[in-house]
Amino acid sequence: MRNEWQYVIDGQFNVSLFGSHGRYRIETLDKGDVAYIPQGYGHSIENIGSRPGRLLIGLNTGEYQAIDLSQWVAGVPPYLLADHFGKPPAVFETFPKKRGFIAPPDGQGKREIK
């Protein structure tokens, strides 16, 4: 993991940052805004605008590494997730077991592959 900077070229985004012990923060970014994600913090980026947005992401090293939330959730037993998030284990059993790097809301943008 590395430090990360995000610069909004166009659009509007919510950036959610989360750390240990239940710490989290959600910031709304507009065109021209910059976000900083320190090493070791998980985060997600959500396009909340009415059209596609553009985001420039810079890292403090040339090496990109990612542990996607979907991969992390898939690797943690449902009973532990239930304990930490206060939800029944069955909720987490329905989560995807494969990588979901960028997922549009409500299935928008899905194409039928023939």
PDB file of N, CA and C in Angstrom:
ATOM      1  N   MET A   1       0.829  -1.176   0.000  1.00  0.00           N
ATOM      2  CA  MET A   1       0.000   0.000   0.000  1.00  0.00           C
ATOM      3  C   MET A   1       0.876   1.243   0.000  1.00  0.00           C
ATOM      4  N   ARG A   2       0.383   2.287  -0.598  1.00  0.00           N
ATOM      5  CA  ARG A   2       1.133   3.525  -0.719  1.00  0.00           C
ATOM      6  C   ARG A   2       0.211   4.704  -0.435  1.00  0.00           C
ATOM      7  N   ASN A   3       0.823   5.873  -0.186  1.00  0.00           N
ATOM      8  CA  ASN A   3       0.043   7.102  -0.097  1.00  0.00           C
ATOM      9  C   ASN A   3      -0.556   7.395  -1.459  1.00  0.00           C
ATOM     10  N   GLU A   4      -1.721   7.982  -1.473  1.00  0.00           N
ATOM     11  CA  GLU A   4      -2.416   8.227  -2.729  1.00  0.00           C
ATOM     12  C   GLU A   4      -3.026   9.624  -2.721  1.00  0.00           C
ATOM     13  N   TRP A   5      -2.949  10.294  -3.861  1.00  0.00           N
ATOM     14  CA  TRP A   5      -3.605  11.582  -4.059  1.00  0.00           C
ATOM     15  C   TRP A   5      -4.586  11.418  -5.196  1.00  0.00           C
ATOM     16  N   GLN A   6      -5.742  12.073  -5.068  1.00  0.00           N
ATOM     17  CA  GLN A   6      -6.762  12.022  -6.102  1.00  0.00           C
ATOM     18  C   GLN A   6      -7.127  13.452  -6.477  1.00  0.00           C
ATOM     19  N   TYR A   7      -7.085  13.755  -7.756  1.00  0.00           N
ATOM     20  CA  TYR A   7      -7.429  15.083  -8.264  1.00  0.00           C
ATOM     21  C   TYR A   7      -8.636  14.935  -9.182  1.00  0.00           C
ATOM     22  N   VAL A   8      -9.685  15.707  -8.912  1.00  0.00           N
ATOM     23  CA  VAL A   8     -10.901  15.628  -9.718  1.00  0.00           C
ATOM     24  C   VAL A   8     -10.752  16.539 -10.938  1.00  0.00           C
ATOM     25  N   ILE A   9     -10.670  15.914 -12.096  1.00  0.00           N
ATOM     26  CA  ILE A   9     -10.591  16.647 -13.358  1.00  0.00           C
ATOM     27  C   ILE A   9     -11.980  17.131 -13.755  1.00  0.00           C
ATOM     28  N   ASP A  10     -12.957  16.260 -13.571  1.00  0.00           N
ATOM     29  CA  ASP A  10     -14.324  16.613 -13.920  1.00  0.00           C
ATOM     30  C   ASP A  10     -15.279  15.707 -13.156  1.00  0.00           C
ATOM     31  N   GLY A  11     -16.398  16.239 -12.718  1.00  0.00           N
ATOM     32  CA  GLY A  11     -17.418  15.448 -12.049  1.00  0.00           C
ATOM     33  C   GLY A  11     -17.462  15.685 -10.551  1.00  0.00           C
ATOM     34  N   GLN A  12     -18.196  14.804  -9.889  1.00  0.00           N
ATOM     35  CA  GLN A  12     -18.360  14.879  -8.443  1.00  0.00           C
ATOM     36  C   GLN A  12     -18.286  13.465  -7.872  1.00  0.00           C
ATOM     37  N   PHE A  13     -17.518  13.314  -6.796  1.00  0.00           N
ATOM     38  CA  PHE A  13     -17.266  12.001  -6.213  1.00  0.00           C
ATOM     39  C   PHE A  13     -17.398  12.053  -4.695  1.00  0.00           C
ATOM     40  N   ASN A  14     -17.822  10.946  -4.109  1.00  0.00           N
ATOM     41  CA  ASN A  14     -17.686  10.735  -2.672  1.00  0.00           C
ATOM     42  C   ASN A  14     -16.478   9.830  -2.472  1.00  0.00           C
ATOM     43  N   VAL A  15     -15.582  10.234  -1.594  1.00  0.00           N
ATOM     44  CA  VAL A  15     -14.443   9.404  -1.228  1.00  0.00           C
ATOM     45  C   VAL A  15     -14.650   9.003   0.225  1.00  0.00           C
ATOM     46  N   SER A  16     -14.728   7.707   0.470  1.00  0.00           N
ATOM     47  CA  SER A  16     -14.879   7.176   1.822  1.00  0.00           C
ATOM     48  C   SER A  16     -13.544   6.610   2.265  1.00  0.00           C
ATOM     49  N   LEU A  17     -13.092   7.032   3.415  1.00  0.00           N
ATOM     50  CA  LEU A  17     -11.810   6.611   3.984  1.00  0.00           C
ATOM     51  C   LEU A  17     -12.116   5.882   5.280  1.00  0.00           C
ATOM     52  N   PHE A  18     -11.548   4.699   5.473  1.00  0.00           N
ATOM     53  CA  PHE A  18     -11.807   3.979   6.715  1.00  0.00           C
ATOM     54  C   PHE A  18     -10.519   3.387   7.267  1.00  0.00           C
ATOM     55  N   GLY A  19     -10.441   3.396   8.597  1.00  0.00           N
ATOM     56  CA  GLY A  19      -9.282   2.868   9.305  1.00  0.00           C
ATOM     57  C   GLY A  19      -9.713   1.906  10.396  1.00  0.00           C
ATOM     58  N   SER A  20      -8.803   1.560  11.249  1.00  0.00           N
ATOM     59  CA  SER A  20      -9.099   0.622  12.326  1.00  0.00           C
ATOM     60  C   SER A  20      -9.985   1.265  13.388  1.00  0.00           C
ATOM     61  N   HIS A  21     -10.543   0.435  14.232  1.00  0.00           N
ATOM     62  CA  HIS A  21     -11.356   0.861  15.376  1.00  0.00           C
ATOM     63  C   HIS A  21     -12.587   1.670  14.961  1.00  0.00           C
ATOM     64  N   GLY A  22     -13.158   1.357  13.797  1.00  0.00           N
ATOM     65  CA  GLY A  22     -14.389   1.992  13.356  1.00  0.00           C
ATOM     66  C   GLY A  22     -14.249   3.418  12.860  1.00  0.00           C
ATOM     67  N   ARG A  23     -13.025   3.869  12.650  1.00  0.00           N
ATOM     68  CA  ARG A  23     -12.834   5.239  12.158  1.00  0.00           C
ATOM     69  C   ARG A  23     -13.145   5.309  10.667  1.00  0.00           C
ATOM     70  N   TYR A  24     -13.874   6.349  10.279  1.00  0.00           N
ATOM     71  CA  TYR A  24     -14.159   6.565   8.859  1.00  0.00           C
ATOM     72  C   TYR A  24     -14.478   8.033   8.618  1.00  0.00           C
ATOM     73  N   ARG A  25     -14.416   8.419   7.369  1.00  0.00           N
ATOM     74  CA  ARG A  25     -14.738   9.787   6.955  1.00  0.00           C
ATOM     75  C   ARG A  25     -15.190   9.737   5.508  1.00  0.00           C
ATOM     76  N   ILE A  26     -16.201  10.519   5.176  1.00  0.00           N
ATOM     77  CA  ILE A  26     -16.691  10.610   3.807  1.00  0.00           C
ATOM     78  C   ILE A  26     -16.606  12.078   3.385  1.00  0.00           C
ATOM     79  N   GLU A  27     -15.961  12.312   2.257  1.00  0.00           N
ATOM     80  CA  GLU A  27     -15.816  13.668   1.721  1.00  0.00           C
ATOM     81  C   GLU A  27     -16.368  13.707   0.304  1.00  0.00           C
ATOM     82  N   THR A  28     -17.029  14.797  -0.026  1.00  0.00           N
ATOM     83  CA  THR A  28     -17.505  15.017  -1.388  1.00  0.00           C
ATOM     84  C   THR A  28     -16.492  15.886  -2.114  1.00  0.00           C
ATOM     85  N   LEU A  29     -16.074  15.426  -3.278  1.00  0.00           N
ATOM     86  CA  LEU A  29     -15.090  16.144  -4.082  1.00  0.00           C
ATOM     87  C   LEU A  29     -15.720  16.635  -5.372  1.00  0.00           C
ATOM     88  N   ASP A  30     -15.419  17.865  -5.725  1.00  0.00           N
ATOM     89  CA  ASP A  30     -15.872  18.468  -6.972  1.00  0.00           C
ATOM     90  C   ASP A  30     -14.665  18.782  -7.847  1.00  0.00           C
ATOM     91  N   LYS A  31     -14.932  19.216  -9.074  1.00  0.00           N
ATOM     92  CA  LYS A  31     -13.877  19.567 -10.020  1.00  0.00           C
ATOM     93  C   LYS A  31     -12.855  20.496  -9.358  1.00  0.00           C
ATOM     94  N   GLY A  32     -11.568  20.116  -9.468  1.00  0.00           N
ATOM     95  CA  GLY A  32     -10.480  20.908  -8.900  1.00  0.00           C
ATOM     96  C   GLY A  32     -10.086  20.524  -7.485  1.00  0.00           C
ATOM     97  N   ASP A  33     -10.867  19.679  -6.818  1.00  0.00           N
ATOM     98  CA  ASP A  33     -10.537  19.254  -5.452  1.00  0.00           C
ATOM     99  C   ASP A  33      -9.482  18.150  -5.459  1.00  0.00           C
ATOM    100  N   VAL A  34      -8.761  18.059  -4.343  1.00  0.00           N
ATOM    101  CA  VAL A  34      -7.731  17.039  -4.163  1.00  0.00           C
ATOM    102  C   VAL A  34      -8.016  16.283  -2.874  1.00  0.00           C
ATOM    103  N   ALA A  35      -7.855  14.968  -2.906  1.00  0.00           N
ATOM    104  CA  ALA A  35      -7.989  14.129  -1.711  1.00  0.00           C
ATOM    105  C   ALA A  35      -6.658  13.442  -1.459  1.00  0.00           C
ATOM    106  N   TYR A  36      -6.387  13.181  -0.197  1.00  0.00           N
ATOM    107  CA  TYR A  36      -5.164  12.468   0.202  1.00  0.00           C
ATOM    108  C   TYR A  36      -5.571  11.248   1.014  1.00  0.00           C
ATOM    109  N   ILE A  37      -5.070  10.085   0.617  1.00  0.00           N
ATOM    110  CA  ILE A  37      -5.325   8.836   1.324  1.00  0.00           C
ATOM    111  C   ILE A  37      -3.993   8.342   1.865  1.00  0.00           C
ATOM    112  N   PRO A  38      -3.806   8.360   3.200  1.00  0.00           N
ATOM    113  CA  PRO A  38      -2.541   7.884   3.764  1.00  0.00           C
ATOM    114  C   PRO A  38      -2.394   6.373   3.637  1.00  0.00           C
ATOM    115  N   GLN A  39      -1.167   5.932   3.624  1.00  0.00           N
ATOM    116  CA  GLN A  39      -0.869   4.500   3.558  1.00  0.00           C
ATOM    117  C   GLN A  39      -1.570   3.785   4.702  1.00  0.00           C
ATOM    118  N   GLY A  40      -2.146   2.638   4.395  1.00  0.00           N
ATOM    119  CA  GLY A  40      -2.768   1.801   5.415  1.00  0.00           C
ATOM    120  C   GLY A  40      -4.255   2.045   5.613  1.00  0.00           C
ATOM    121  N   TYR A  41      -4.813   3.043   4.951  1.00  0.00           N
ATOM    122  CA  TYR A  41      -6.243   3.307   5.073  1.00  0.00           C
ATOM    123  C   TYR A  41      -6.977   2.763   3.853  1.00  0.00           C
ATOM    124  N   GLY A  42      -8.059   2.059   4.099  1.00  0.00           N
ATOM    125  CA  GLY A  42      -8.899   1.597   3.014  1.00  0.00           C
ATOM    126  C   GLY A  42      -9.748   2.751   2.522  1.00  0.00           C
ATOM    127  N   HIS A  43     -10.187   2.671   1.288  1.00  0.00           N
ATOM    128  CA  HIS A  43     -11.020   3.737   0.763  1.00  0.00           C
ATOM    129  C   HIS A  43     -11.817   3.265  -0.440  1.00  0.00           C
ATOM    130  N   SER A  44     -12.854   4.024  -0.725  1.00  0.00           N
ATOM    131  CA  SER A  44     -13.634   3.774  -1.934  1.00  0.00           C
ATOM    132  C   SER A  44     -13.937   5.119  -2.584  1.00  0.00           C
ATOM    133  N   ILE A  45     -14.171   5.065  -3.875  1.00  0.00           N
ATOM    134  CA  ILE A  45     -14.483   6.260  -4.659  1.00  0.00           C
ATOM    135  C   ILE A  45     -15.802   5.990  -5.376  1.00  0.00           C
ATOM    136  N   GLU A  46     -16.760   6.892  -5.193  1.00  0.00           N
ATOM    137  CA  GLU A  46     -18.079   6.719  -5.809  1.00  0.00           C
ATOM    138  C   GLU A  46     -18.419   7.957  -6.643  1.00  0.00           C
ATOM    139  N   ASN A  47     -18.729   7.741  -7.896  1.00  0.00           N
ATOM    140  CA  ASN A  47     -19.180   8.833  -8.753  1.00  0.00           C
ATOM    141  C   ASN A  47     -20.618   9.159  -8.359  1.00  0.00           C
ATOM    142  N   ILE A  48     -20.857  10.363  -7.819  1.00  0.00           N
ATOM    143  CA  ILE A  48     -22.199  10.752  -7.411  1.00  0.00           C
ATOM    144  C   ILE A  48     -22.790  11.799  -8.356  1.00  0.00           C
ATOM    145  N   GLY A  49     -22.081  12.094  -9.417  1.00  0.00           N
ATOM    146  CA  GLY A  49     -22.568  13.061 -10.397  1.00  0.00           C
ATOM    147  C   GLY A  49     -23.599  12.440 -11.319  1.00  0.00           C
ATOM    148  N   SER A  50     -24.182  13.275 -12.149  1.00  0.00           N
ATOM    149  CA  SER A  50     -25.207  12.808 -13.086  1.00  0.00           C
ATOM    150  C   SER A  50     -24.610  12.306 -14.400  1.00  0.00           C
ATOM    151  N   ARG A  51     -23.293  12.393 -14.536  1.00  0.00           N
ATOM    152  CA  ARG A  51     -22.617  11.935 -15.762  1.00  0.00           C
ATOM    153  C   ARG A  51     -21.258  11.351 -15.380  1.00  0.00           C
ATOM    154  N   PRO A  52     -20.587  10.700 -16.315  1.00  0.00           N
ATOM    155  CA  PRO A  52     -19.263  10.161 -15.996  1.00  0.00           C
ATOM    156  C   PRO A  52     -18.304  11.272 -15.545  1.00  0.00           C
ATOM    157  N   GLY A  53     -17.428  10.940 -14.618  1.00  0.00           N
ATOM    158  CA  GLY A  53     -16.434  11.880 -14.132  1.00  0.00           C
ATOM    159  C   GLY A  53     -15.035  11.408 -14.483  1.00  0.00           C
ATOM    160  N   ARG A  54     -14.065  12.285 -14.262  1.00  0.00           N
ATOM    161  CA  ARG A  54     -12.659  11.942 -14.518  1.00  0.00           C
ATOM    162  C   ARG A  54     -11.854  12.280 -13.282  1.00  0.00           C
ATOM    163  N   LEU A  55     -11.005  11.337 -12.902  1.00  0.00           N
ATOM    164  CA  LEU A  55     -10.209  11.451 -11.692  1.00  0.00           C
ATOM    165  C   LEU A  55      -8.777  11.061 -12.013  1.00  0.00           C
ATOM    166  N   LEU A  56      -7.830  11.875 -11.592  1.00  0.00           N
ATOM    167  CA  LEU A  56      -6.408  11.551 -11.759  1.00  0.00           C
ATOM    168  C   LEU A  56      -5.903  11.059 -10.409  1.00  0.00           C
ATOM    169  N   ILE A  57      -5.312   9.872 -10.395  1.00  0.00           N
ATOM    170  CA  ILE A  57      -4.811   9.285  -9.154  1.00  0.00           C
ATOM    171  C   ILE A  57      -3.297   9.204  -9.230  1.00  0.00           C
ATOM    172  N   GLY A  58      -2.637   9.739  -8.213  1.00  0.00           N
ATOM    173  CA  GLY A  58      -1.184   9.698  -8.131  1.00  0.00           C
ATOM    174  C   GLY A  58      -0.741   8.952  -6.887  1.00  0.00           C
ATOM    175  N   LEU A  59       0.332   8.201  -7.026  1.00  0.00           N
ATOM    176  CA  LEU A  59       0.886   7.429  -5.905  1.00  0.00           C
ATOM    177  C   LEU A  59       2.303   7.910  -5.623  1.00  0.00           C
ATOM    178  N   ASN A  60       2.774   7.718  -4.395  1.00  0.00           N
ATOM    179  CA  ASN A  60       4.124   8.174  -4.053  1.00  0.00           C
ATOM    180  C   ASN A  60       5.193   7.165  -4.461  1.00  0.00           C
ATOM    181  N   THR A  61       4.805   6.189  -5.235  1.00  0.00           N
ATOM    182  CA  THR A  61       5.747   5.212  -5.771  1.00  0.00           C
ATOM    183  C   THR A  61       5.206   4.739  -7.116  1.00  0.00           C
ATOM    184  N   GLY A  62       6.036   4.185  -7.934  1.00  0.00           N
ATOM    185  CA  GLY A  62       5.592   3.680  -9.224  1.00  0.00           C
ATOM    186  C   GLY A  62       4.899   2.337  -9.145  1.00  0.00           C
ATOM    187  N   GLU A  63       4.764   1.795  -7.967  1.00  0.00           N
ATOM    188  CA  GLU A  63       4.183   0.465  -7.798  1.00  0.00           C
ATOM    189  C   GLU A  63       2.753   0.587  -7.289  1.00  0.00           C
ATOM    190  N   TYR A  64       1.794   0.102  -8.066  1.00  0.00           N
ATOM    191  CA  TYR A  64       0.388   0.132  -7.672  1.00  0.00           C
ATOM    192  C   TYR A  64       0.010  -1.204  -7.061  1.00  0.00           C
ATOM    193  N   GLN A  65      -0.592  -1.161  -5.891  1.00  0.00           N
ATOM    194  CA  GLN A  65      -1.092  -2.365  -5.235  1.00  0.00           C
ATOM    195  C   GLN A  65      -2.514  -2.101  -4.785  1.00  0.00           C
ATOM    196  N   ALA A  66      -3.344  -3.096  -4.874  1.00  0.00           N
ATOM    197  CA  ALA A  66      -4.723  -2.927  -4.429  1.00  0.00           C
ATOM    198  C   ALA A  66      -5.203  -4.193  -3.741  1.00  0.00           C
ATOM    199  N   ILE A  67      -5.928  -3.994  -2.680  1.00  0.00           N
ATOM    200  CA  ILE A  67      -6.700  -5.061  -2.057  1.00  0.00           C
ATOM    201  C   ILE A  67      -8.129  -4.553  -2.113  1.00  0.00           C
ATOM    202  N   ASP A  68      -8.884  -5.057  -3.063  1.00  0.00           N
ATOM    203  CA  ASP A  68     -10.245  -4.595  -3.244  1.00  0.00           C
ATOM    204  C   ASP A  68     -11.108  -4.993  -2.057  1.00  0.00           C
ATOM    205  N   LEU A  69     -12.073  -4.144  -1.747  1.00  0.00           N
ATOM    206  CA  LEU A  69     -12.973  -4.432  -0.644  1.00  0.00           C
ATOM    207  C   LEU A  69     -13.679  -5.757  -0.864  1.00  0.00           C
ATOM    208  N   SER A  70     -14.077  -6.019  -2.110  1.00  0.00           N
ATOM    209  CA  SER A  70     -14.753  -7.288  -2.392  1.00  0.00           C
ATOM    210  C   SER A  70     -13.835  -8.476  -2.111  1.00  0.00           C
ATOM    211  N   GLN A  71     -12.544  -8.340  -2.408  1.00  0.00           N
ATOM    212  CA  GLN A  71     -11.589  -9.411  -2.109  1.00  0.00           C
ATOM    213  C   GLN A  71     -11.395  -9.554  -0.602  1.00  0.00           C
ATOM    214  N   TRP A  72     -11.336  -8.418   0.094  1.00  0.00           N
ATOM    215  CA  TRP A  72     -11.148  -8.448   1.540  1.00  0.00           C
ATOM    216  C   TRP A  72     -12.335  -9.121   2.217  1.00  0.00           C
ATOM    217  N   VAL A  73     -13.556  -8.714   1.831  1.00  0.00           N
ATOM    218  CA  VAL A  73     -14.760  -9.296   2.415  1.00  0.00           C
ATOM    219  C   VAL A  73     -14.829 -10.791   2.118  1.00  0.00           C
ATOM    220  N   ALA A  74     -14.478 -11.179   0.886  1.00  0.00           N
ATOM    221  CA  ALA A  74     -14.520 -12.594   0.516  1.00  0.00           C
ATOM    222  C   ALA A  74     -13.529 -13.429   1.327  1.00  0.00           C
ATOM    223  N   GLY A  75     -12.458 -12.802   1.820  1.00  0.00           N
ATOM    224  CA  GLY A  75     -11.446 -13.532   2.575  1.00  0.00           C
ATOM    225  C   GLY A  75     -11.670 -13.575   4.080  1.00  0.00           C
ATOM    226  N   VAL A  76     -12.703 -12.885   4.563  1.00  0.00           N
ATOM    227  CA  VAL A  76     -12.986 -12.848   6.004  1.00  0.00           C
ATOM    228  C   VAL A  76     -14.230 -13.691   6.265  1.00  0.00           C
ATOM    229  N   PRO A  77     -14.185 -14.591   7.241  1.00  0.00           N
ATOM    230  CA  PRO A  77     -15.362 -15.422   7.527  1.00  0.00           C
ATOM    231  C   PRO A  77     -16.582 -14.563   7.880  1.00  0.00           C
ATOM    232  N   PRO A  78     -17.773 -14.956   7.385  1.00  0.00           N
ATOM    233  CA  PRO A  78     -18.988 -14.179   7.646  1.00  0.00           C
ATOM    234  C   PRO A  78     -19.261 -13.923   9.130  1.00  0.00           C
ATOM    235  N   TYR A  79     -18.911 -14.853  10.018  1.00  0.00           N
ATOM    236  CA  TYR A  79     -19.178 -14.638  11.447  1.00  0.00           C
ATOM    237  C   TYR A  79     -18.349 -13.485  12.004  1.00  0.00           C
ATOM    238  N   LEU A  80     -17.123 -13.283  11.476  1.00  0.00           N
ATOM    239  CA  LEU A  80     -16.309 -12.149  11.923  1.00  0.00           C
ATOM    240  C   LEU A  80     -16.865 -10.830  11.400  1.00  0.00           C
ATOM    241  N   LEU A  81     -17.274 -10.810  10.130  1.00  0.00           N
ATOM    242  CA  LEU A  81     -17.886  -9.603   9.575  1.00  0.00           C
ATOM    243  C   LEU A  81     -19.159  -9.257  10.350  1.00  0.00           C
ATOM    244  N   ALA A  82     -19.959 -10.267  10.661  1.00  0.00           N
ATOM    245  CA  ALA A  82     -21.194 -10.052  11.423  1.00  0.00           C
ATOM    246  C   ALA A  82     -20.888  -9.433  12.773  1.00  0.00           C
ATOM    247  N   ASP A  83     -19.855  -9.920  13.431  1.00  0.00           N
ATOM    248  CA  ASP A  83     -19.474  -9.402  14.742  1.00  0.00           C
ATOM    249  C   ASP A  83     -19.022  -7.942  14.651  1.00  0.00           C
ATOM    250  N   HIS A  84     -18.211  -7.628  13.655  1.00  0.00           N
ATOM    251  CA  HIS A  84     -17.672  -6.277  13.523  1.00  0.00           C
ATOM    252  C   HIS A  84     -18.706  -5.251  13.056  1.00  0.00           C
ATOM    253  N   PHE A  85     -19.622  -5.680  12.174  1.00  0.00           N
ATOM    254  CA  PHE A  85     -20.570  -4.737  11.591  1.00  0.00           C
ATOM    255  C   PHE A  85     -21.964  -4.819  12.205  1.00  0.00           C
ATOM    256  N   GLY A  86     -22.168  -5.751  13.137  1.00  0.00           N
ATOM    257  CA  GLY A  86     -23.460  -5.859  13.810  1.00  0.00           C
ATOM    258  C   GLY A  86     -24.602  -6.300  12.912  1.00  0.00           C
ATOM    259  N   LYS A  87     -24.296  -7.139  11.950  1.00  0.00           N
ATOM    260  CA  LYS A  87     -25.305  -7.665  11.021  1.00  0.00           C
ATOM    261  C   LYS A  87     -25.266  -9.184  11.075  1.00  0.00           C
ATOM    262  N   PRO A  88     -26.353  -9.845  10.655  1.00  0.00           N
ATOM    263  CA  PRO A  88     -26.339 -11.311  10.638  1.00  0.00           C
ATOM    264  C   PRO A  88     -25.330 -11.853   9.616  1.00  0.00           C
ATOM    265  N   PRO A  89     -24.704 -12.988   9.910  1.00  0.00           N
ATOM    266  CA  PRO A  89     -23.745 -13.575   8.960  1.00  0.00           C
ATOM    267  C   PRO A  89     -24.328 -13.796   7.567  1.00  0.00           C
ATOM    268  N   ALA A  90     -25.620 -14.074   7.486  1.00  0.00           N
ATOM    269  CA  ALA A  90     -26.249 -14.344   6.184  1.00  0.00           C
ATOM    270  C   ALA A  90     -26.127 -13.144   5.239  1.00  0.00           C
ATOM    271  N   VAL A  91     -26.076 -11.939   5.779  1.00  0.00           N
ATOM    272  CA  VAL A  91     -25.928 -10.741   4.949  1.00  0.00           C
ATOM    273  C   VAL A  91     -24.629 -10.818   4.160  1.00  0.00           C
ATOM    274  N   PHE A  92     -23.564 -11.231   4.802  1.00  0.00           N
ATOM    275  CA  PHE A  92     -22.245 -11.244   4.170  1.00  0.00           C
ATOM    276  C   PHE A  92     -22.052 -12.443   3.259  1.00  0.00           C
ATOM    277  N   GLU A  93     -22.861 -13.476   3.439  1.00  0.00           N
ATOM    278  CA  GLU A  93     -22.779 -14.637   2.555  1.00  0.00           C
ATOM    279  C   GLU A  93     -23.290 -14.305   1.155  1.00  0.00           C
ATOM    280  N   THR A  94     -24.052 -13.216   1.003  1.00  0.00           N
ATOM    281  CA  THR A  94     -24.584 -12.822  -0.301  1.00  0.00           C
ATOM    282  C   THR A  94     -23.638 -11.892  -1.060  1.00  0.00           C
ATOM    283  N   PHE A  95     -22.563 -11.446  -0.426  1.00  0.00           N
ATOM    284  CA  PHE A  95     -21.622 -10.519  -1.064  1.00  0.00           C
ATOM    285  C   PHE A  95     -20.851 -11.224  -2.173  1.00  0.00           C
ATOM    286  N   PRO A  96     -20.406 -10.469  -3.198  1.00  0.00           N
ATOM    287  CA  PRO A  96     -19.645 -11.081  -4.296  1.00  0.00           C
ATOM    288  C   PRO A  96     -18.351 -11.720  -3.803  1.00  0.00           C
ATOM    289  N   LYS A  97     -17.967 -12.779  -4.461  1.00  0.00           N
ATOM    290  CA  LYS A  97     -16.734 -13.489  -4.111  1.00  0.00           C
ATOM    291  C   LYS A  97     -15.620 -13.216  -5.101  1.00  0.00           C
ATOM    292  N   LYS A  98     -15.872 -12.322  -6.077  1.00  0.00           N
ATOM    293  CA  LYS A  98     -14.840 -11.978  -7.045  1.00  0.00           C
ATOM    294  C   LYS A  98     -14.627 -10.475  -7.034  1.00  0.00           C
ATOM    295  N   ARG A  99     -13.600 -10.061  -7.705  1.00  0.00           N
ATOM    296  CA  ARG A  99     -13.206  -8.656  -7.722  1.00  0.00           C
ATOM    297  C   ARG A  99     -14.261  -7.786  -8.400  1.00  0.00           C
ATOM    298  N   GLY A 100     -14.558  -6.657  -7.793  1.00  0.00           N
ATOM    299  CA  GLY A 100     -15.473  -5.682  -8.363  1.00  0.00           C
ATOM    300  C   GLY A 100     -14.823  -4.319  -8.309  1.00  0.00           C
ATOM    301  N   PHE A 101     -13.899  -4.040  -9.211  1.00  0.00           N
ATOM    302  CA  PHE A 101     -13.089  -2.817  -9.140  1.00  0.00           C
ATOM    303  C   PHE A 101     -13.945  -1.564  -9.277  1.00  0.00           C
ATOM    304  N   ILE A 102     -14.674  -1.450 -10.366  1.00  0.00           N
ATOM    305  CA  ILE A 102     -15.577  -0.321 -10.543  1.00  0.00           C
ATOM    306  C   ILE A 102     -16.943  -0.906 -10.882  1.00  0.00           C
ATOM    307  N   ALA A 103     -17.890  -0.664 -10.008  1.00  0.00           N
ATOM    308  CA  ALA A 103     -19.222  -1.209 -10.203  1.00  0.00           C
ATOM    309  C   ALA A 103     -20.231  -0.077 -10.264  1.00  0.00           C
ATOM    310  N   PRO A 104     -20.909   0.110 -11.399  1.00  0.00           N
ATOM    311  CA  PRO A 104     -21.902   1.172 -11.488  1.00  0.00           C
ATOM    312  C   PRO A 104     -23.112   0.857 -10.609  1.00  0.00           C
ATOM    313  N   PRO A 105     -23.798   1.903 -10.094  1.00  0.00           N
ATOM    314  CA  PRO A 105     -24.960   1.660  -9.247  1.00  0.00           C
ATOM    315  C   PRO A 105     -26.118   1.064 -10.034  1.00  0.00           C
ATOM    316  N   ASP A 106     -26.868   0.223  -9.387  1.00  0.00           N
ATOM    317  CA  ASP A 106     -28.093  -0.360  -9.959  1.00  0.00           C
ATOM    318  C   ASP A 106     -27.878  -1.034 -11.308  1.00  0.00           C
ATOM    319  N   GLY A 107     -26.691  -1.538 -11.571  1.00  0.00           N
ATOM    320  CA  GLY A 107     -26.437  -2.260 -12.806  1.00  0.00           C
ATOM    321  C   GLY A 107     -26.306  -1.387 -14.034  1.00  0.00           C
ATOM    322  N   GLN A 108     -26.232  -0.068 -13.848  1.00  0.00           N
ATOM    323  CA  GLN A 108     -26.079   0.809 -15.006  1.00  0.00           C
ATOM    324  C   GLN A 108     -24.798   0.467 -15.740  1.00  0.00           C
ATOM    325  N   GLY A 109     -24.843   0.524 -17.038  1.00  0.00           N
ATOM    326  CA  GLY A 109     -23.643   0.292 -17.824  1.00  0.00           C
ATOM    327  C   GLY A 109     -23.369  -1.168 -18.115  1.00  0.00           C
ATOM    328  N   LYS A 110     -24.200  -2.064 -17.603  1.00  0.00           N
ATOM    329  CA  LYS A 110     -23.981  -3.487 -17.886  1.00  0.00           C
ATOM    330  C   LYS A 110     -24.315  -3.765 -19.333  1.00  0.00           C
ATOM    331  N   ARG A 111     -23.486  -4.588 -19.947  1.00  0.00           N
ATOM    332  CA  ARG A 111     -23.720  -4.974 -21.326  1.00  0.00           C
ATOM    333  C   ARG A 111     -23.856  -6.483 -21.387  1.00  0.00           C
ATOM    334  N   GLU A 112     -24.657  -6.923 -22.294  1.00  0.00           N
ATOM    335  CA  GLU A 112     -24.766  -8.357 -22.531  1.00  0.00           C
ATOM    336  C   GLU A 112     -23.563  -8.792 -23.356  1.00  0.00           C
ATOM    337  N   ILE A 113     -22.851  -9.781 -22.870  1.00  0.00           N
ATOM    338  CA  ILE A 113     -21.686 -10.293 -23.600  1.00  0.00           C
ATOM    339  C   ILE A 113     -22.104 -11.526 -24.378  1.00  0.00           C
ATOM    340  N   LYS A 114     -21.858 -11.477 -25.667  1.00  0.00           N
ATOM    341  CA  LYS A 114     -22.268 -12.596 -26.525  1.00  0.00           C
ATOM    342  C   LYS A 114     -21.084 -13.409 -26.932  1.00  0.00           C
TER     343      LYS A 114
END
